[in-house]
Amino acid sequence: MLAELGGVKKIYLAVGYTDLRLGINGLAQTVGTKFDLNPFEKGTLFLFCGRRCDRIKALLWEGDGFLLLYKRLEDGRFDWPRSKDQAANITTDQYRMLLMGLNPIEPRIKEVVPSRVS
């Protein structure tokens, strides 16, 4: 479900750490108070990540109620941007980068140092 974006017009990352014990009401309140955004905006997906980077939660208002999605990776971690204390608006391409394990805000190419062969 998280890989498909049917009907989603905007995507926001809650940059930094979020307590993933929060449910729908707590996450909606976080969107409204901490990030000064409207959680009731139809077609807007809000993504949250806790300290463990192997799981994320998503909150989506469908017009008649909230949809709460939870994804846990069996192997690997999300490269979640932690540097800013705000919500970052990302594109669908950046969203796909995130689901592939890349940091969509500050993409980096890791330098590979060739090993010495004796």
PDB file of N, CA and C in Angstrom:
ATOM      1  N   MET A   1       0.821  -1.201   0.000  1.00  0.00           N
ATOM      2  CA  MET A   1       0.000   0.000   0.000  1.00  0.00           C
ATOM      3  C   MET A   1       0.858   1.255   0.000  1.00  0.00           C
ATOM      4  N   LEU A   2       1.924   1.266   0.820  1.00  0.00           N
ATOM      5  CA  LEU A   2       2.763   2.457   0.865  1.00  0.00           C
ATOM      6  C   LEU A   2       3.521   2.684  -0.429  1.00  0.00           C
ATOM      7  N   ALA A   3       3.767   1.635  -1.193  1.00  0.00           N
ATOM      8  CA  ALA A   3       4.500   1.786  -2.447  1.00  0.00           C
ATOM      9  C   ALA A   3       3.629   2.424  -3.528  1.00  0.00           C
ATOM     10  N   GLU A   4       2.316   2.287  -3.411  1.00  0.00           N
ATOM     11  CA  GLU A   4       1.401   2.867  -4.389  1.00  0.00           C
ATOM     12  C   GLU A   4       0.852   4.176  -3.839  1.00  0.00           C
ATOM     13  N   LEU A   5       0.737   5.184  -4.697  1.00  0.00           N
ATOM     14  CA  LEU A   5       0.321   6.505  -4.242  1.00  0.00           C
ATOM     15  C   LEU A   5      -0.986   6.959  -4.882  1.00  0.00           C
ATOM     16  N   GLY A   6      -1.941   6.090  -5.029  1.00  0.00           N
ATOM     17  CA  GLY A   6      -3.200   6.467  -5.646  1.00  0.00           C
ATOM     18  C   GLY A   6      -3.930   7.549  -4.862  1.00  0.00           C
ATOM     19  N   GLY A   7      -4.191   8.673  -5.498  1.00  0.00           N
ATOM     20  CA  GLY A   7      -4.929   9.768  -4.873  1.00  0.00           C
ATOM     21  C   GLY A   7      -4.117  10.679  -3.982  1.00  0.00           C
ATOM     22  N   VAL A   8      -2.841  10.420  -3.822  1.00  0.00           N
ATOM     23  CA  VAL A   8      -1.993  11.263  -2.973  1.00  0.00           C
ATOM     24  C   VAL A   8      -1.414  12.396  -3.809  1.00  0.00           C
ATOM     25  N   LYS A   9      -1.647  13.634  -3.338  1.00  0.00           N
ATOM     26  CA  LYS A   9      -1.175  14.811  -4.068  1.00  0.00           C
ATOM     27  C   LYS A   9       0.069  15.435  -3.445  1.00  0.00           C
ATOM     28  N   LYS A  10       0.174  15.347  -2.119  1.00  0.00           N
ATOM     29  CA  LYS A  10       1.309  15.908  -1.391  1.00  0.00           C
ATOM     30  C   LYS A  10       1.841  14.866  -0.422  1.00  0.00           C
ATOM     31  N   ILE A  11       3.151  14.917  -0.195  1.00  0.00           N
ATOM     32  CA  ILE A  11       3.790  14.010   0.761  1.00  0.00           C
ATOM     33  C   ILE A  11       4.698  14.835   1.664  1.00  0.00           C
ATOM     34  N   TYR A  12       4.520  14.676   2.969  1.00  0.00           N
ATOM     35  CA  TYR A  12       5.354  15.370   3.946  1.00  0.00           C
ATOM     36  C   TYR A  12       6.082  14.348   4.811  1.00  0.00           C
ATOM     37  N   LEU A  13       7.358  14.598   5.021  1.00  0.00           N
ATOM     38  CA  LEU A  13       8.143  13.816   5.970  1.00  0.00           C
ATOM     39  C   LEU A  13       8.208  14.588   7.269  1.00  0.00           C
ATOM     40  N   ALA A  14       7.921  13.929   8.367  1.00  0.00           N
ATOM     41  CA  ALA A  14       8.135  14.534   9.681  1.00  0.00           C
ATOM     42  C   ALA A  14       9.617  14.313   9.996  1.00  0.00           C
ATOM     43  N   VAL A  15      10.429  15.269   9.588  1.00  0.00           N
ATOM     44  CA  VAL A  15      11.878  15.140   9.716  1.00  0.00           C
ATOM     45  C   VAL A  15      12.247  15.126  11.191  1.00  0.00           C
ATOM     46  N   GLY A  16      13.167  14.273  11.551  1.00  0.00           N
ATOM     47  CA  GLY A  16      13.564  14.107  12.942  1.00  0.00           C
ATOM     48  C   GLY A  16      12.973  12.828  13.485  1.00  0.00           C
ATOM     49  N   TYR A  17      12.798  12.775  14.789  1.00  0.00           N
ATOM     50  CA  TYR A  17      12.283  11.578  15.453  1.00  0.00           C
ATOM     51  C   TYR A  17      10.833  11.776  15.862  1.00  0.00           C
ATOM     52  N   THR A  18      10.018  10.740  15.700  1.00  0.00           N
ATOM     53  CA  THR A  18       8.630  10.742  16.148  1.00  0.00           C
ATOM     54  C   THR A  18       8.412   9.504  17.002  1.00  0.00           C
ATOM     55  N   ASP A  19       7.682   9.668  18.085  1.00  0.00           N
ATOM     56  CA  ASP A  19       7.333   8.535  18.939  1.00  0.00           C
ATOM     57  C   ASP A  19       6.296   7.694  18.202  1.00  0.00           C
ATOM     58  N   LEU A  20       6.685   6.523  17.722  1.00  0.00           N
ATOM     59  CA  LEU A  20       5.776   5.690  16.938  1.00  0.00           C
ATOM     60  C   LEU A  20       4.745   4.963  17.789  1.00  0.00           C
ATOM     61  N   ARG A  21       4.762   5.174  19.095  1.00  0.00           N
ATOM     62  CA  ARG A  21       3.680   4.644  19.930  1.00  0.00           C
ATOM     63  C   ARG A  21       2.417   5.464  19.755  1.00  0.00           C
ATOM     64  N   LEU A  22       2.546   6.654  19.162  1.00  0.00           N
ATOM     65  CA  LEU A  22       1.386   7.508  18.926  1.00  0.00           C
ATOM     66  C   LEU A  22       0.451   6.854  17.917  1.00  0.00           C
ATOM     67  N   GLY A  23      -0.833   7.034  18.144  1.00  0.00           N
ATOM     68  CA  GLY A  23      -1.847   6.545  17.212  1.00  0.00           C
ATOM     69  C   GLY A  23      -2.301   7.667  16.293  1.00  0.00           C
ATOM     70  N   ILE A  24      -3.468   7.498  15.729  1.00  0.00           N
ATOM     71  CA  ILE A  24      -4.001   8.474  14.779  1.00  0.00           C
ATOM     72  C   ILE A  24      -4.129   9.854  15.410  1.00  0.00           C
ATOM     73  N   ASN A  25      -4.739   9.939  16.576  1.00  0.00           N
ATOM     74  CA  ASN A  25      -4.955  11.248  17.207  1.00  0.00           C
ATOM     75  C   ASN A  25      -3.633  11.933  17.548  1.00  0.00           C
ATOM     76  N   GLY A  26      -2.688  11.192  18.093  1.00  0.00           N
ATOM     77  CA  GLY A  26      -1.399  11.766  18.452  1.00  0.00           C
ATOM     78  C   GLY A  26      -0.609  12.234  17.244  1.00  0.00           C
ATOM     79  N   LEU A  27      -0.618  11.454  16.172  1.00  0.00           N
ATOM     80  CA  LEU A  27       0.095  11.854  14.958  1.00  0.00           C
ATOM     81  C   LEU A  27      -0.575  13.058  14.295  1.00  0.00           C
ATOM     82  N   ALA A  28      -1.905  13.081  14.279  1.00  0.00           N
ATOM     83  CA  ALA A  28      -2.621  14.230  13.715  1.00  0.00           C
ATOM     84  C   ALA A  28      -2.329  15.492  14.527  1.00  0.00           C
ATOM     85  N   GLN A  29      -2.263  15.351  15.844  1.00  0.00           N
ATOM     86  CA  GLN A  29      -1.936  16.494  16.693  1.00  0.00           C
ATOM     87  C   GLN A  29      -0.504  16.964  16.434  1.00  0.00           C
ATOM     88  N   THR A  30       0.422  16.036  16.220  1.00  0.00           N
ATOM     89  CA  THR A  30       1.805  16.389  15.899  1.00  0.00           C
ATOM     90  C   THR A  30       1.874  17.180  14.599  1.00  0.00           C
ATOM     91  N   VAL A  31       1.120  16.745  13.609  1.00  0.00           N
ATOM     92  CA  VAL A  31       1.090  17.462  12.326  1.00  0.00           C
ATOM     93  C   VAL A  31       0.604  18.889  12.527  1.00  0.00           C
ATOM     94  N   GLY A  32      -0.458  19.051  13.327  1.00  0.00           N
ATOM     95  CA  GLY A  32      -1.039  20.371  13.529  1.00  0.00           C
ATOM     96  C   GLY A  32      -0.220  21.291  14.417  1.00  0.00           C
ATOM     97  N   THR A  33       0.325  20.767  15.505  1.00  0.00           N
ATOM     98  CA  THR A  33       1.017  21.634  16.460  1.00  0.00           C
ATOM     99  C   THR A  33       2.501  21.800  16.158  1.00  0.00           C
ATOM    100  N   LYS A  34       3.197  20.708  15.918  1.00  0.00           N
ATOM    101  CA  LYS A  34       4.643  20.787  15.714  1.00  0.00           C
ATOM    102  C   LYS A  34       5.011  21.327  14.336  1.00  0.00           C
ATOM    103  N   PHE A  35       4.237  20.928  13.317  1.00  0.00           N
ATOM    104  CA  PHE A  35       4.584  21.310  11.953  1.00  0.00           C
ATOM    105  C   PHE A  35       3.666  22.368  11.362  1.00  0.00           C
ATOM    106  N   ASP A  36       2.632  22.770  12.089  1.00  0.00           N
ATOM    107  CA  ASP A  36       1.696  23.808  11.656  1.00  0.00           C
ATOM    108  C   ASP A  36       1.092  23.498  10.279  1.00  0.00           C
ATOM    109  N   LEU A  37       0.696  22.244  10.095  1.00  0.00           N
ATOM    110  CA  LEU A  37       0.040  21.807   8.871  1.00  0.00           C
ATOM    111  C   LEU A  37      -1.334  21.253   9.218  1.00  0.00           C
ATOM    112  N   ASN A  38      -2.206  21.153   8.226  1.00  0.00           N
ATOM    113  CA  ASN A  38      -3.555  20.663   8.432  1.00  0.00           C
ATOM    114  C   ASN A  38      -3.605  19.153   8.173  1.00  0.00           C
ATOM    115  N   PRO A  39      -3.802  18.335   9.213  1.00  0.00           N
ATOM    116  CA  PRO A  39      -3.849  16.882   8.991  1.00  0.00           C
ATOM    117  C   PRO A  39      -5.106  16.440   8.249  1.00  0.00           C
ATOM    118  N   PHE A  40      -6.104  17.314   8.133  1.00  0.00           N
ATOM    119  CA  PHE A  40      -7.368  16.986   7.467  1.00  0.00           C
ATOM    120  C   PHE A  40      -7.366  17.380   5.993  1.00  0.00           C
ATOM    121  N   GLU A  41      -6.213  17.640   5.439  1.00  0.00           N
ATOM    122  CA  GLU A  41      -6.124  17.983   4.018  1.00  0.00           C
ATOM    123  C   GLU A  41      -6.169  16.695   3.202  1.00  0.00           C
ATOM    124  N   LYS A  42      -7.212  16.556   2.420  1.00  0.00           N
ATOM    125  CA  LYS A  42      -7.412  15.322   1.656  1.00  0.00           C
ATOM    126  C   LYS A  42      -6.301  15.156   0.611  1.00  0.00           C
ATOM    127  N   GLY A  43      -5.811  13.934   0.493  1.00  0.00           N
ATOM    128  CA  GLY A  43      -4.767  13.644  -0.485  1.00  0.00           C
ATOM    129  C   GLY A  43      -3.365  13.992  -0.025  1.00  0.00           C
ATOM    130  N   THR A  44      -3.187  14.249   1.277  1.00  0.00           N
ATOM    131  CA  THR A  44      -1.871  14.576   1.809  1.00  0.00           C
ATOM    132  C   THR A  44      -1.409  13.447   2.729  1.00  0.00           C
ATOM    133  N   LEU A  45      -0.262  12.882   2.404  1.00  0.00           N
ATOM    134  CA  LEU A  45       0.311  11.777   3.158  1.00  0.00           C
ATOM    135  C   LEU A  45       1.400  12.314   4.068  1.00  0.00           C
ATOM    136  N   PHE A  46       1.316  11.991   5.350  1.00  0.00           N
ATOM    137  CA  PHE A  46       2.318  12.393   6.339  1.00  0.00           C
ATOM    138  C   PHE A  46       3.074  11.143   6.771  1.00  0.00           C
ATOM    139  N   LEU A  47       4.408  11.188   6.705  1.00  0.00           N
ATOM    140  CA  LEU A  47       5.253  10.051   7.052  1.00  0.00           C
ATOM    141  C   LEU A  47       6.050  10.350   8.310  1.00  0.00           C
ATOM    142  N   PHE A  48       6.168   9.349   9.188  1.00  0.00           N
ATOM    143  CA  PHE A  48       6.845   9.495  10.470  1.00  0.00           C
ATOM    144  C   PHE A  48       7.815   8.332  10.666  1.00  0.00           C
ATOM    145  N   CYS A  49       8.929   8.606  11.336  1.00  0.00           N
ATOM    146  CA  CYS A  49       9.911   7.570  11.639  1.00  0.00           C
ATOM    147  C   CYS A  49      10.400   7.782  13.070  1.00  0.00           C
ATOM    148  N   GLY A  50      10.565   6.696  13.802  1.00  0.00           N
ATOM    149  CA  GLY A  50      11.069   6.773  15.165  1.00  0.00           C
ATOM    150  C   GLY A  50      12.584   6.671  15.201  1.00  0.00           C
ATOM    151  N   ARG A  51      13.115   6.350  16.359  1.00  0.00           N
ATOM    152  CA  ARG A  51      14.569   6.214  16.500  1.00  0.00           C
ATOM    153  C   ARG A  51      15.099   4.986  15.772  1.00  0.00           C
ATOM    154  N   ARG A  52      14.308   3.932  15.764  1.00  0.00           N
ATOM    155  CA  ARG A  52      14.692   2.744  14.992  1.00  0.00           C
ATOM    156  C   ARG A  52      14.276   3.005  13.556  1.00  0.00           C
ATOM    157  N   CYS A  53      15.180   2.945  12.663  1.00  0.00           N
ATOM    158  CA  CYS A  53      14.903   3.336  11.271  1.00  0.00           C
ATOM    159  C   CYS A  53      14.403   2.181  10.413  1.00  0.00           C
ATOM    160  N   ASP A  54      13.922   1.115  11.043  1.00  0.00           N
ATOM    161  CA  ASP A  54      13.426  -0.004  10.256  1.00  0.00           C
ATOM    162  C   ASP A  54      11.907  -0.001  10.124  1.00  0.00           C
ATOM    163  N   ARG A  55      11.265   1.047  10.631  1.00  0.00           N
ATOM    164  CA  ARG A  55       9.808   1.131  10.556  1.00  0.00           C
ATOM    165  C   ARG A  55       9.343   2.577  10.405  1.00  0.00           C
ATOM    166  N   ILE A  56       8.247   2.746   9.681  1.00  0.00           N
ATOM    167  CA  ILE A  56       7.650   4.071   9.508  1.00  0.00           C
ATOM    168  C   ILE A  56       6.134   3.949   9.650  1.00  0.00           C
ATOM    169  N   LYS A  57       5.511   5.065   9.985  1.00  0.00           N
ATOM    170  CA  LYS A  57       4.054   5.171  10.008  1.00  0.00           C
ATOM    171  C   LYS A  57       3.657   6.255   9.016  1.00  0.00           C
ATOM    172  N   ALA A  58       2.479   6.081   8.441  1.00  0.00           N
ATOM    173  CA  ALA A  58       1.940   7.060   7.505  1.00  0.00           C
ATOM    174  C   ALA A  58       0.505   7.377   7.918  1.00  0.00           C
ATOM    175  N   LEU A  59       0.143   8.638   7.780  1.00  0.00           N
ATOM    176  CA  LEU A  59      -1.194   9.109   8.128  1.00  0.00           C
ATOM    177  C   LEU A  59      -1.789   9.800   6.910  1.00  0.00           C
ATOM    178  N   LEU A  60      -3.010   9.414   6.548  1.00  0.00           N
ATOM    179  CA  LEU A  60      -3.676   9.963   5.369  1.00  0.00           C
ATOM    180  C   LEU A  60      -5.140  10.201   5.682  1.00  0.00           C
ATOM    181  N   TRP A  61      -5.611  11.432   5.450  1.00  0.00           N
ATOM    182  CA  TRP A  61      -7.027  11.755   5.612  1.00  0.00           C
ATOM    183  C   TRP A  61      -7.727  11.442   4.302  1.00  0.00           C
ATOM    184  N   GLU A  62      -8.763  10.597   4.336  1.00  0.00           N
ATOM    185  CA  GLU A  62      -9.466  10.187   3.121  1.00  0.00           C
ATOM    186  C   GLU A  62     -10.785  10.935   2.910  1.00  0.00           C
ATOM    187  N   GLY A  63     -11.060  11.917   3.722  1.00  0.00           N
ATOM    188  CA  GLY A  63     -12.293  12.681   3.582  1.00  0.00           C
ATOM    189  C   GLY A  63     -13.356  12.256   4.577  1.00  0.00           C
ATOM    190  N   ASP A  64     -13.390  10.980   4.896  1.00  0.00           N
ATOM    191  CA  ASP A  64     -14.368  10.484   5.863  1.00  0.00           C
ATOM    192  C   ASP A  64     -13.706   9.818   7.065  1.00  0.00           C
ATOM    193  N   GLY A  65     -12.386   9.829   7.087  1.00  0.00           N
ATOM    194  CA  GLY A  65     -11.649   9.238   8.189  1.00  0.00           C
ATOM    195  C   GLY A  65     -10.175   9.122   7.858  1.00  0.00           C
ATOM    196  N   PHE A  66      -9.387   8.806   8.884  1.00  0.00           N
ATOM    197  CA  PHE A  66      -7.949   8.663   8.708  1.00  0.00           C
ATOM    198  C   PHE A  66      -7.596   7.226   8.359  1.00  0.00           C
ATOM    199  N   LEU A  67      -6.554   7.096   7.581  1.00  0.00           N
ATOM    200  CA  LEU A  67      -5.947   5.813   7.285  1.00  0.00           C
ATOM    201  C   LEU A  67      -4.562   5.839   7.914  1.00  0.00           C
ATOM    202  N   LEU A  68      -4.284   4.863   8.774  1.00  0.00           N
ATOM    203  CA  LEU A  68      -2.980   4.766   9.426  1.00  0.00           C
ATOM    204  C   LEU A  68      -2.267   3.540   8.873  1.00  0.00           C
ATOM    205  N   LEU A  69      -1.100   3.757   8.302  1.00  0.00           N
ATOM    206  CA  LEU A  69      -0.314   2.676   7.710  1.00  0.00           C
ATOM    207  C   LEU A  69       0.976   2.523   8.485  1.00  0.00           C
ATOM    208  N   TYR A  70       1.458   1.290   8.566  1.00  0.00           N
ATOM    209  CA  TYR A  70       2.668   0.983   9.317  1.00  0.00           C
ATOM    210  C   TYR A  70       3.491   0.028   8.475  1.00  0.00           C
ATOM    211  N   LYS A  71       4.761   0.355   8.290  1.00  0.00           N
ATOM    212  CA  LYS A  71       5.636  -0.527   7.526  1.00  0.00           C
ATOM    213  C   LYS A  71       6.887  -0.812   8.337  1.00  0.00           C
ATOM    214  N   ARG A  72       7.204  -2.113   8.444  1.00  0.00           N
ATOM    215  CA  ARG A  72       8.429  -2.542   9.121  1.00  0.00           C
ATOM    216  C   ARG A  72       9.247  -3.349   8.129  1.00  0.00           C
ATOM    217  N   LEU A  73      10.497  -2.943   7.962  1.00  0.00           N
ATOM    218  CA  LEU A  73      11.387  -3.677   7.072  1.00  0.00           C
ATOM    219  C   LEU A  73      11.944  -4.890   7.795  1.00  0.00           C
ATOM    220  N   GLU A  74      11.984  -5.999   7.128  1.00  0.00           N
ATOM    221  CA  GLU A  74      12.568  -7.207   7.705  1.00  0.00           C
ATOM    222  C   GLU A  74      14.087  -7.137   7.674  1.00  0.00           C
ATOM    223  N   ASP A  75      14.623  -6.508   6.649  1.00  0.00           N
ATOM    224  CA  ASP A  75      16.061  -6.384   6.520  1.00  0.00           C
ATOM    225  C   ASP A  75      16.358  -5.001   5.953  1.00  0.00           C
ATOM    226  N   GLY A  76      17.211  -4.251   6.602  1.00  0.00           N
ATOM    227  CA  GLY A  76      17.556  -2.918   6.127  1.00  0.00           C
ATOM    228  C   GLY A  76      16.949  -1.835   6.988  1.00  0.00           C
ATOM    229  N   ARG A  77      17.232  -0.612   6.589  1.00  0.00           N
ATOM    230  CA  ARG A  77      16.763   0.554   7.334  1.00  0.00           C
ATOM    231  C   ARG A  77      16.415   1.662   6.356  1.00  0.00           C
ATOM    232  N   PHE A  78      15.517   2.533   6.786  1.00  0.00           N
ATOM    233  CA  PHE A  78      15.214   3.741   6.021  1.00  0.00           C
ATOM    234  C   PHE A  78      16.284   4.774   6.335  1.00  0.00           C
ATOM    235  N   ASP A  79      16.751   5.486   5.332  1.00  0.00           N
ATOM    236  CA  ASP A  79      17.702   6.574   5.551  1.00  0.00           C
ATOM    237  C   ASP A  79      16.870   7.840   5.749  1.00  0.00           C
ATOM    238  N   TRP A  80      16.441   8.051   6.992  1.00  0.00           N
ATOM    239  CA  TRP A  80      15.495   9.113   7.329  1.00  0.00           C
ATOM    240  C   TRP A  80      16.239  10.403   7.647  1.00  0.00           C
ATOM    241  N   PRO A  81      15.843  11.526   7.033  1.00  0.00           N
ATOM    242  CA  PRO A  81      16.504  12.803   7.348  1.00  0.00           C
ATOM    243  C   PRO A  81      16.207  13.230   8.784  1.00  0.00           C
ATOM    244  N   ARG A  82      17.234  13.559   9.537  1.00  0.00           N
ATOM    245  CA  ARG A  82      17.083  13.901  10.953  1.00  0.00           C
ATOM    246  C   ARG A  82      17.477  15.334  11.261  1.00  0.00           C
ATOM    247  N   SER A  83      18.011  16.061  10.309  1.00  0.00           N
ATOM    248  CA  SER A  83      18.673  17.325  10.613  1.00  0.00           C
ATOM    249  C   SER A  83      17.736  18.480  10.922  1.00  0.00           C
ATOM    250  N   LYS A  84      16.537  18.529  10.354  1.00  0.00           N
ATOM    251  CA  LYS A  84      15.650  19.676  10.553  1.00  0.00           C
ATOM    252  C   LYS A  84      14.475  19.297  11.442  1.00  0.00           C
ATOM    253  N   ASP A  85      13.968  20.262  12.195  1.00  0.00           N
ATOM    254  CA  ASP A  85      12.827  20.020  13.070  1.00  0.00           C
ATOM    255  C   ASP A  85      11.567  20.578  12.411  1.00  0.00           C
ATOM    256  N   GLN A  86      11.287  20.127  11.201  1.00  0.00           N
ATOM    257  CA  GLN A  86      10.105  20.588  10.482  1.00  0.00           C
ATOM    258  C   GLN A  86       9.647  19.492   9.534  1.00  0.00           C
ATOM    259  N   ALA A  87       8.532  19.698   8.894  1.00  0.00           N
ATOM    260  CA  ALA A  87       8.059  18.739   7.903  1.00  0.00           C
ATOM    261  C   ALA A  87       8.610  19.150   6.549  1.00  0.00           C
ATOM    262  N   ALA A  88       9.093  18.199   5.815  1.00  0.00           N
ATOM    263  CA  ALA A  88       9.658  18.463   4.502  1.00  0.00           C
ATOM    264  C   ALA A  88       8.698  17.944   3.438  1.00  0.00           C
ATOM    265  N   ASN A  89       8.351  18.796   2.494  1.00  0.00           N
ATOM    266  CA  ASN A  89       7.492  18.402   1.388  1.00  0.00           C
ATOM    267  C   ASN A  89       8.368  17.714   0.353  1.00  0.00           C
ATOM    268  N   ILE A  90       8.018  16.492  -0.043  1.00  0.00           N
ATOM    269  CA  ILE A  90       8.830  15.763  -1.008  1.00  0.00           C
ATOM    270  C   ILE A  90       7.992  15.386  -2.227  1.00  0.00           C
ATOM    271  N   THR A  91       8.663  15.081  -3.316  1.00  0.00           N
ATOM    272  CA  THR A  91       8.004  14.669  -4.550  1.00  0.00           C
ATOM    273  C   THR A  91       7.775  13.161  -4.535  1.00  0.00           C
ATOM    274  N   THR A  92       7.033  12.678  -5.507  1.00  0.00           N
ATOM    275  CA  THR A  92       6.802  11.239  -5.589  1.00  0.00           C
ATOM    276  C   THR A  92       8.100  10.503  -5.913  1.00  0.00           C
ATOM    277  N   ASP A  93       8.986  11.116  -6.689  1.00  0.00           N
ATOM    278  CA  ASP A  93      10.274  10.486  -6.962  1.00  0.00           C
ATOM    279  C   ASP A  93      11.113  10.378  -5.687  1.00  0.00           C
ATOM    280  N   GLN A  94      11.100  11.436  -4.864  1.00  0.00           N
ATOM    281  CA  GLN A  94      11.816  11.390  -3.589  1.00  0.00           C
ATOM    282  C   GLN A  94      11.200  10.346  -2.661  1.00  0.00           C
ATOM    283  N   TYR A  95       9.901  10.205  -2.719  1.00  0.00           N
ATOM    284  CA  TYR A  95       9.199   9.197  -1.925  1.00  0.00           C
ATOM    285  C   TYR A  95       9.675   7.789  -2.312  1.00  0.00           C
ATOM    286  N   ARG A  96       9.785   7.550  -3.589  1.00  0.00           N
ATOM    287  CA  ARG A  96      10.271   6.252  -4.058  1.00  0.00           C
ATOM    288  C   ARG A  96      11.727   6.020  -3.631  1.00  0.00           C
ATOM    289  N   MET A  97      12.525   7.095  -3.630  1.00  0.00           N
ATOM    290  CA  MET A  97      13.906   6.992  -3.151  1.00  0.00           C
ATOM    291  C   MET A  97      13.914   6.551  -1.689  1.00  0.00           C
ATOM    292  N   LEU A  98      13.027   7.142  -0.892  1.00  0.00           N
ATOM    293  CA  LEU A  98      12.936   6.799   0.528  1.00  0.00           C
ATOM    294  C   LEU A  98      12.603   5.325   0.715  1.00  0.00           C
ATOM    295  N   LEU A  99      11.631   4.822  -0.050  1.00  0.00           N
ATOM    296  CA  LEU A  99      11.246   3.428   0.085  1.00  0.00           C
ATOM    297  C   LEU A  99      12.334   2.473  -0.397  1.00  0.00           C
ATOM    298  N   MET A 100      13.274   2.980  -1.213  1.00  0.00           N
ATOM    299  CA  MET A 100      14.421   2.166  -1.632  1.00  0.00           C
ATOM    300  C   MET A 100      15.560   2.221  -0.628  1.00  0.00           C
ATOM    301  N   GLY A 101      15.399   3.039   0.432  1.00  0.00           N
ATOM    302  CA  GLY A 101      16.427   3.132   1.460  1.00  0.00           C
ATOM    303  C   GLY A 101      17.356   4.313   1.303  1.00  0.00           C
ATOM    304  N   LEU A 102      17.038   5.240   0.405  1.00  0.00           N
ATOM    305  CA  LEU A 102      17.869   6.427   0.193  1.00  0.00           C
ATOM    306  C   LEU A 102      17.288   7.615   0.934  1.00  0.00           C
ATOM    307  N   ASN A 103      18.125   8.572   1.277  1.00  0.00           N
ATOM    308  CA  ASN A 103      17.676   9.798   1.926  1.00  0.00           C
ATOM    309  C   ASN A 103      17.174  10.742   0.841  1.00  0.00           C
ATOM    310  N   PRO A 104      15.871  11.053   0.811  1.00  0.00           N
ATOM    311  CA  PRO A 104      15.337  11.881  -0.269  1.00  0.00           C
ATOM    312  C   PRO A 104      15.680  13.361  -0.144  1.00  0.00           C
ATOM    313  N   ILE A 105      16.021  13.831   1.037  1.00  0.00           N
ATOM    314  CA  ILE A 105      16.314  15.243   1.250  1.00  0.00           C
ATOM    315  C   ILE A 105      17.772  15.542   0.950  1.00  0.00           C
ATOM    316  N   GLU A 106      18.657  14.712   1.458  1.00  0.00           N
ATOM    317  CA  GLU A 106      20.090  14.922   1.279  1.00  0.00           C
ATOM    318  C   GLU A 106      20.720  13.656   0.704  1.00  0.00           C
ATOM    319  N   PRO A 107      20.445  13.356  -0.579  1.00  0.00           N
ATOM    320  CA  PRO A 107      21.024  12.134  -1.137  1.00  0.00           C
ATOM    321  C   PRO A 107      22.545  12.236  -1.208  1.00  0.00           C
ATOM    322  N   ARG A 108      23.196  11.152  -0.839  1.00  0.00           N
ATOM    323  CA  ARG A 108      24.656  11.120  -0.853  1.00  0.00           C
ATOM    324  C   ARG A 108      25.104   9.851  -1.549  1.00  0.00           C
ATOM    325  N   ILE A 109      26.223   9.974  -2.190  1.00  0.00           N
ATOM    326  CA  ILE A 109      26.858   8.798  -2.763  1.00  0.00           C
ATOM    327  C   ILE A 109      27.980   8.416  -1.824  1.00  0.00           C
ATOM    328  N   LYS A 110      27.906   7.213  -1.328  1.00  0.00           N
ATOM    329  CA  LYS A 110      28.935   6.759  -0.402  1.00  0.00           C
ATOM    330  C   LYS A 110      30.196   6.424  -1.183  1.00  0.00           C
ATOM    331  N   GLU A 111      31.303   6.910  -0.675  1.00  0.00           N
ATOM    332  CA  GLU A 111      32.569   6.661  -1.331  1.00  0.00           C
ATOM    333  C   GLU A 111      33.006   5.229  -1.038  1.00  0.00           C
ATOM    334  N   VAL A 112      33.345   4.526  -2.080  1.00  0.00           N
ATOM    335  CA  VAL A 112      33.813   3.159  -1.931  1.00  0.00           C
ATOM    336  C   VAL A 112      35.323   3.179  -2.076  1.00  0.00           C
ATOM    337  N   VAL A 113      35.983   2.722  -1.051  1.00  0.00           N
ATOM    338  CA  VAL A 113      37.440   2.664  -1.062  1.00  0.00           C
ATOM    339  C   VAL A 113      37.830   1.252  -1.482  1.00  0.00           C
ATOM    340  N   PRO A 114      38.541   1.141  -2.610  1.00  0.00           N
ATOM    341  CA  PRO A 114      38.913  -0.206  -3.046  1.00  0.00           C
ATOM    342  C   PRO A 114      39.878  -0.848  -2.061  1.00  0.00           C
ATOM    343  N   SER A 115      39.665  -2.123  -1.832  1.00  0.00           N
ATOM    344  CA  SER A 115      40.551  -2.826  -0.908  1.00  0.00           C
ATOM    345  C   SER A 115      41.853  -3.149  -1.621  1.00  0.00           C
ATOM    346  N   ARG A 116      42.906  -3.186  -0.851  1.00  0.00           N
ATOM    347  CA  ARG A 116      44.228  -3.471  -1.423  1.00  0.00           C
ATOM    348  C   ARG A 116      44.374  -4.975  -1.597  1.00  0.00           C
ATOM    349  N   VAL A 117      44.796  -5.326  -2.738  1.00  0.00           N
ATOM    350  CA  VAL A 117      45.034  -6.742  -3.024  1.00  0.00           C
ATOM    351  C   VAL A 117      46.532  -6.964  -2.963  1.00  0.00           C
ATOM    352  N   SER A 118      46.961  -7.902  -2.160  1.00  0.00           N
ATOM    353  CA  SER A 118      48.397  -8.167  -2.003  1.00  0.00           C
ATOM    354  C   SER A 118      48.868  -9.197  -2.983  1.00  0.00           C
TER     355      SER A 118
END
